[in-house]
Amino acid sequence: MTGFGFRSGLTGAVLLAMSLGACTDKTPGIDNVDTPMENFTADQIYERGEYEVSKNHYAVGAKYFAEIERLYPYSDWAKRGLIMQAFAQHKAKNYDESRQAAQRFLDFYPSDDDAAYAQYLLALSYYDQIDEVGRDQGLTFQALQALRQVIERYPGSPYAKSAMMKFDLAFDHLAGKEMEVGRYYLKRDHFAAAINRFRTVVEQFQTTSHTPEALERLVEAYLSLGLTDEAQTAGAILGHNFRSSEWYDHAYKLLTDKGLEMKPAGNNWLSAIYRQTVKGEWL
């Protein structure tokens, strides 16, 4: 789930390194890897790190950038090396190390031009570990928090738009987890437990793609419990907001087969949702 770019200065550095790598296989700056790193200048070590990155040796490149931080702390090269270290570790899928480097950059250089990119890398270190829906969602929550930081702290940065898109996808992912668990309970006739999951989607994730199915599943569960008012009201919300979806057709058949209608009925939590989303009565 990755896809991001450098700021212009970083892009130029990486492209330069890649062009050097395309022209020659001789490693620039540091040819004798047995020579102690202390014998080289910061720019020589940085150049070697760029070279390794240009060859897709991201973990190796990250080690050189880390050496700059160790040998030349507080220098401008250390600052540049630190953000490149975070980038290279991320490309190597060493997400913990990438996150740590990005956080150090934010701690040391909070007002730097690359702070937005560091925050974005930190968010990606969580986001790119989000796995299939069935896995633990702790990383998804952390990704949402970190992405929100990018959006709120750096709204004018080139990373804000991408962060917003990824935020929406991660949010949808959480709703998918609730649906997966709800379907599990529904299939085993644990209707109350299933309703709790589908209710969470309708109340907390109503802007996601899972809401139409959640409403249809509520119709199923409530009908199974004989709670016709709730089933009809869920159908009414579904019919008003998602009439063109397949889930509307399923719910319509379930209700009409029992002589019921898709209309608000009774006084329950779904009635409040209906008043809010259909009538605009935010109570």
Protein backbone atom coordinates (compact mmCIF):
# COMPACT_ATOMS: atom_id res chain seq x y z
CA MET A 1 0.00 0.00 0.00
CA THR A 2 2.71 2.42 -0.71
CA GLY A 3 3.27 5.21 -3.19
CA PHE A 4 4.86 8.50 -2.30
CA GLY A 5 7.41 11.01 -3.49
CA PHE A 6 10.27 13.10 -2.22
CA ARG A 7 10.32 16.81 -1.85
CA SER A 8 12.06 18.34 -4.84
CA GLY A 9 15.49 18.50 -3.18
CA LEU A 10 15.46 14.89 -2.15
CA THR A 11 14.22 13.83 -5.55
CA GLY A 12 17.15 15.52 -7.20
CA ALA A 13 19.62 13.79 -4.91
CA VAL A 14 18.19 10.36 -5.56
CA LEU A 15 17.95 10.89 -9.31
CA LEU A 16 21.58 12.02 -9.36
CA ALA A 17 22.63 8.90 -7.51
CA MET A 18 20.63 6.73 -9.88
CA SER A 19 22.23 8.38 -12.89
CA LEU A 20 25.67 7.76 -11.43
CA GLY A 21 24.77 4.15 -10.87
CA ALA A 22 23.58 3.80 -14.45
CA CYS A 23 26.86 5.07 -15.81
CA THR A 24 29.26 2.97 -13.77
CA ASP A 25 29.42 0.02 -11.44
CA LYS A 26 32.28 1.59 -9.48
CA THR A 27 31.09 2.71 -6.08
CA PRO A 28 31.68 6.44 -5.57
CA GLY A 29 33.56 7.91 -2.63
CA ILE A 30 34.15 4.80 -0.52
CA ASP A 31 35.84 2.07 -2.52
CA ASN A 32 37.52 0.19 0.31
CA VAL A 33 34.79 -1.08 2.60
CA ASP A 34 37.42 -2.29 5.10
CA THR A 35 38.60 1.24 5.80
CA PRO A 36 37.16 2.57 9.07
CA MET A 37 34.18 4.82 8.44
CA GLU A 38 35.80 7.52 10.57
CA ASN A 39 38.29 8.04 7.73
CA PHE A 40 35.63 9.41 5.40
CA THR A 41 33.89 12.75 5.31
CA ALA A 42 30.17 13.11 5.82
CA ASP A 43 29.55 13.90 2.15
CA GLN A 44 31.51 10.82 1.06
CA ILE A 45 29.43 8.58 3.32
CA TYR A 46 26.24 10.27 2.13
CA GLU A 47 27.25 9.75 -1.49
CA ARG A 48 27.83 6.06 -0.82
CA GLY A 49 24.41 5.80 0.81
CA GLU A 50 22.80 7.42 -2.22
CA TYR A 51 24.65 5.02 -4.49
CA GLU A 52 23.36 1.99 -2.58
CA VAL A 53 19.82 3.37 -2.72
CA SER A 54 20.15 3.87 -6.48
CA LYS A 55 21.01 0.15 -6.73
CA ASN A 56 17.94 -0.73 -4.65
CA HIS A 57 20.21 -1.80 -1.77
CA TYR A 58 18.02 0.11 0.64
CA ALA A 59 19.05 -1.53 3.91
CA VAL A 60 22.74 -1.05 3.03
CA GLY A 61 22.13 2.57 2.10
CA ALA A 62 20.33 3.14 5.39
CA LYS A 63 23.39 1.90 7.29
CA TYR A 64 25.58 4.52 5.61
CA PHE A 65 23.09 7.26 6.39
CA ALA A 66 23.05 6.08 10.00
CA GLU A 67 26.84 6.35 10.10
CA ILE A 68 26.59 10.04 9.24
CA GLU A 69 24.24 10.53 12.18
CA ARG A 70 26.71 8.71 14.43
CA LEU A 71 29.93 10.36 13.24
CA TYR A 72 28.72 13.86 12.34
CA PRO A 73 25.82 14.65 14.69
CA TYR A 74 24.28 18.12 14.54
CA SER A 75 25.67 18.67 11.03
CA ASP A 76 23.56 19.46 7.99
CA TRP A 77 24.71 16.14 6.52
CA ALA A 78 23.34 14.37 9.59
CA LYS A 79 19.97 16.00 9.04
CA ARG A 80 19.92 15.02 5.37
CA GLY A 81 21.14 11.54 6.21
CA LEU A 82 18.43 11.07 8.83
CA ILE A 83 15.52 11.70 6.47
CA MET A 84 17.18 9.49 3.85
CA GLN A 85 17.67 6.84 6.52
CA ALA A 86 13.93 6.88 7.21
CA PHE A 87 13.19 6.63 3.49
CA ALA A 88 15.67 3.82 2.83
CA GLN A 89 14.50 1.77 5.80
CA HIS A 90 10.93 2.12 4.62
CA LYS A 91 11.84 0.96 1.13
CA ALA A 92 13.61 -2.00 2.74
CA LYS A 93 10.37 -2.73 4.64
CA ASN A 94 12.15 -2.23 7.94
CA TYR A 95 9.16 -0.32 9.25
CA ASP A 96 10.16 -0.05 12.90
CA GLU A 97 13.56 1.38 11.95
CA SER A 98 11.97 3.76 9.44
CA ARG A 99 9.53 5.00 12.05
CA GLN A 100 12.28 5.52 14.60
CA ALA A 101 14.39 7.54 12.15
CA ALA A 102 11.39 9.62 11.10
CA GLN A 103 10.50 10.33 14.73
CA ARG A 104 14.07 11.40 15.52
CA PHE A 105 13.93 13.80 12.59
CA LEU A 106 10.70 15.28 13.94
CA ASP A 107 12.19 15.55 17.42
CA PHE A 108 15.40 17.24 16.24
CA TYR A 109 14.09 19.31 13.32
CA PRO A 110 10.36 19.99 13.92
CA SER A 111 10.31 23.16 11.81
CA ASP A 112 12.43 21.87 8.93
CA ASP A 113 11.02 21.78 5.41
CA ASP A 114 11.28 17.99 5.46
CA ALA A 115 9.29 17.61 8.69
CA ALA A 116 6.09 17.01 6.71
CA TYR A 117 7.77 14.24 4.77
CA ALA A 118 9.13 12.71 7.98
CA GLN A 119 5.62 12.69 9.46
CA TYR A 120 4.30 11.12 6.25
CA LEU A 121 6.96 8.40 6.37
CA LEU A 122 6.08 7.74 10.00
CA ALA A 123 2.43 7.30 9.01
CA LEU A 124 3.38 5.02 6.13
CA SER A 125 5.40 2.85 8.49
CA TYR A 126 2.06 1.89 10.04
CA TYR A 127 -0.12 2.11 6.94
CA ASP A 128 1.98 -0.18 4.78
CA GLN A 129 1.72 -2.91 7.40
CA ILE A 130 -2.07 -2.99 7.29
CA ASP A 131 -2.81 -6.51 6.18
CA GLU A 132 -5.93 -8.35 5.18
CA VAL A 133 -9.13 -7.58 7.06
CA GLY A 134 -8.89 -10.61 9.34
CA ARG A 135 -5.72 -9.48 11.12
CA ASP A 136 -5.40 -7.40 14.30
CA GLN A 137 -6.36 -3.78 13.67
CA GLY A 138 -4.01 -2.06 16.11
CA LEU A 139 -1.77 -0.89 13.28
CA THR A 140 -4.78 0.52 11.46
CA PHE A 141 -5.64 2.75 14.43
CA GLN A 142 -2.02 3.90 14.64
CA ALA A 143 -1.95 4.60 10.91
CA LEU A 144 -5.12 6.70 11.22
CA GLN A 145 -3.63 8.74 14.05
CA ALA A 146 -0.36 9.34 12.20
CA LEU A 147 -2.10 10.19 8.92
CA ARG A 148 -4.31 12.65 10.77
CA GLN A 149 -1.15 14.38 12.01
CA VAL A 150 0.02 14.87 8.42
CA ILE A 151 -3.37 16.30 7.42
CA GLU A 152 -3.73 18.62 10.41
CA ARG A 153 -0.13 19.76 10.88
CA TYR A 154 0.88 20.09 7.24
CA PRO A 155 -2.32 20.82 5.27
CA GLY A 156 -0.40 22.73 2.60
CA SER A 157 2.25 20.07 2.06
CA PRO A 158 2.36 17.81 -1.02
CA TYR A 159 1.68 14.84 1.30
CA ALA A 160 -1.64 16.03 2.74
CA LYS A 161 -3.75 14.88 -0.23
CA SER A 162 -2.16 11.43 -0.26
CA ALA A 163 -2.59 11.20 3.52
CA MET A 164 -6.29 11.99 3.18
CA MET A 165 -6.75 9.26 0.60
CA LYS A 166 -4.94 6.73 2.76
CA PHE A 167 -6.90 7.86 5.81
CA ASP A 168 -10.16 7.07 4.00
CA LEU A 169 -8.85 3.65 2.96
CA ALA A 170 -7.69 2.82 6.47
CA PHE A 171 -11.03 3.98 7.87
CA ASP A 172 -12.82 1.72 5.39
CA HIS A 173 -10.51 -1.09 6.48
CA LEU A 174 -11.68 -0.77 10.08
CA ALA A 175 -15.30 -0.91 8.98
CA GLY A 176 -14.45 -4.03 6.99
CA LYS A 177 -13.15 -5.65 10.15
CA GLU A 178 -16.41 -4.94 11.97
CA MET A 179 -18.35 -6.41 9.04
CA GLU A 180 -16.20 -9.52 8.96
CA VAL A 181 -16.82 -10.21 12.64
CA GLY A 182 -20.51 -9.35 12.33
CA ARG A 183 -20.99 -11.79 9.46
CA TYR A 184 -19.24 -14.46 11.54
CA TYR A 185 -21.73 -14.00 14.37
CA LEU A 186 -24.72 -13.77 12.03
CA LYS A 187 -23.83 -17.01 10.31
CA ARG A 188 -23.80 -18.74 13.70
CA ASP A 189 -27.12 -17.20 14.79
CA HIS A 190 -25.51 -15.02 17.44
CA PHE A 191 -27.83 -12.21 16.44
CA ALA A 192 -27.26 -9.79 19.32
CA ALA A 193 -23.47 -9.93 18.87
CA ALA A 194 -23.86 -9.48 15.11
CA ILE A 195 -26.17 -6.48 15.57
CA ASN A 196 -23.59 -4.78 17.80
CA ARG A 197 -20.98 -5.01 15.02
CA PHE A 198 -23.30 -3.80 12.27
CA ARG A 199 -24.52 -0.99 14.48
CA THR A 200 -20.93 0.17 14.95
CA VAL A 201 -20.54 0.43 11.17
CA VAL A 202 -23.79 2.39 10.76
CA GLU A 203 -23.05 4.78 13.62
CA GLN A 204 -19.27 5.22 13.40
CA PHE A 205 -18.34 4.31 9.81
CA GLN A 206 -21.39 5.52 7.90
CA THR A 207 -19.28 7.22 5.20
CA THR A 208 -17.57 3.96 4.22
CA SER A 209 -18.48 1.50 1.48
CA HIS A 210 -19.69 -1.05 4.05
CA THR A 211 -22.75 0.86 5.27
CA PRO A 212 -25.28 -0.57 2.74
CA GLU A 213 -24.39 -4.13 3.66
CA ALA A 214 -24.44 -3.31 7.38
CA LEU A 215 -28.01 -2.04 7.04
CA GLU A 216 -29.09 -5.12 5.09
CA ARG A 217 -27.48 -7.39 7.69
CA LEU A 218 -29.37 -5.52 10.39
CA VAL A 219 -32.59 -6.30 8.55
CA GLU A 220 -31.61 -9.98 8.54
CA ALA A 221 -30.66 -10.05 12.21
CA TYR A 222 -33.66 -8.12 13.48
CA LEU A 223 -36.08 -10.23 11.45
CA SER A 224 -34.50 -13.34 12.91
CA LEU A 225 -35.21 -11.96 16.39
CA GLY A 226 -38.75 -10.92 15.45
CA LEU A 227 -37.95 -7.22 15.92
CA THR A 228 -39.89 -5.92 12.94
CA ASP A 229 -39.79 -2.20 13.83
CA GLU A 230 -35.99 -2.19 13.79
CA ALA A 231 -35.86 -4.29 10.62
CA GLN A 232 -38.25 -1.96 8.76
CA THR A 233 -36.39 1.14 9.91
CA ALA A 234 -33.05 -0.27 8.79
CA GLY A 235 -34.69 -0.98 5.44
CA ALA A 236 -36.03 2.58 5.27
CA ILE A 237 -32.55 4.05 5.75
CA LEU A 238 -31.15 1.66 3.17
CA GLY A 239 -33.90 2.51 0.69
CA HIS A 240 -33.42 6.24 1.08
CA ASN A 241 -29.63 6.35 0.86
CA PHE A 242 -28.63 3.26 -1.13
CA ARG A 243 -31.57 2.38 -3.35
CA SER A 244 -29.35 1.42 -6.30
CA SER A 245 -27.26 -1.08 -4.30
CA GLU A 246 -27.71 -4.84 -4.36
CA TRP A 247 -28.20 -4.75 -0.60
CA TYR A 248 -31.39 -2.74 -1.06
CA ASP A 249 -32.80 -5.50 -3.28
CA HIS A 250 -31.94 -8.16 -0.69
CA ALA A 251 -33.50 -6.21 2.17
CA TYR A 252 -36.59 -5.38 0.14
CA LYS A 253 -37.24 -9.06 -0.57
CA LEU A 254 -36.66 -10.07 3.05
CA LEU A 255 -39.16 -7.51 4.29
CA THR A 256 -41.86 -7.85 1.65
CA ASP A 257 -41.78 -11.64 1.91
CA LYS A 258 -42.97 -11.15 5.49
CA GLY A 259 -45.56 -8.55 4.54
CA LEU A 260 -43.46 -5.70 5.91
CA GLU A 261 -42.45 -2.36 4.43
CA MET A 262 -39.27 -0.33 4.23
CA LYS A 263 -40.44 2.46 6.50
CA PRO A 264 -39.47 3.92 9.87
CA ALA A 265 -41.30 2.26 12.72
CA GLY A 266 -41.18 2.45 16.48
CA ASN A 267 -38.76 4.42 18.62
CA ASN A 268 -35.28 2.87 18.59
CA TRP A 269 -31.67 3.74 17.76
CA LEU A 270 -32.33 3.28 14.05
CA SER A 271 -35.26 5.70 14.25
CA ALA A 272 -32.82 8.33 15.49
CA ILE A 273 -30.45 7.52 12.60
CA TYR A 274 -33.36 7.83 10.18
CA ARG A 275 -34.34 11.24 11.54
CA GLN A 276 -30.77 12.45 11.32
CA THR A 277 -29.75 11.10 7.90
CA VAL A 278 -33.09 11.37 6.07
CA LYS A 279 -34.89 14.28 7.72
CA GLY A 280 -31.83 16.16 8.88
CA GLU A 281 -33.05 16.32 12.47
CA TRP A 282 -29.75 16.16 14.35
CA LEU A 283 -30.84 15.74 17.93
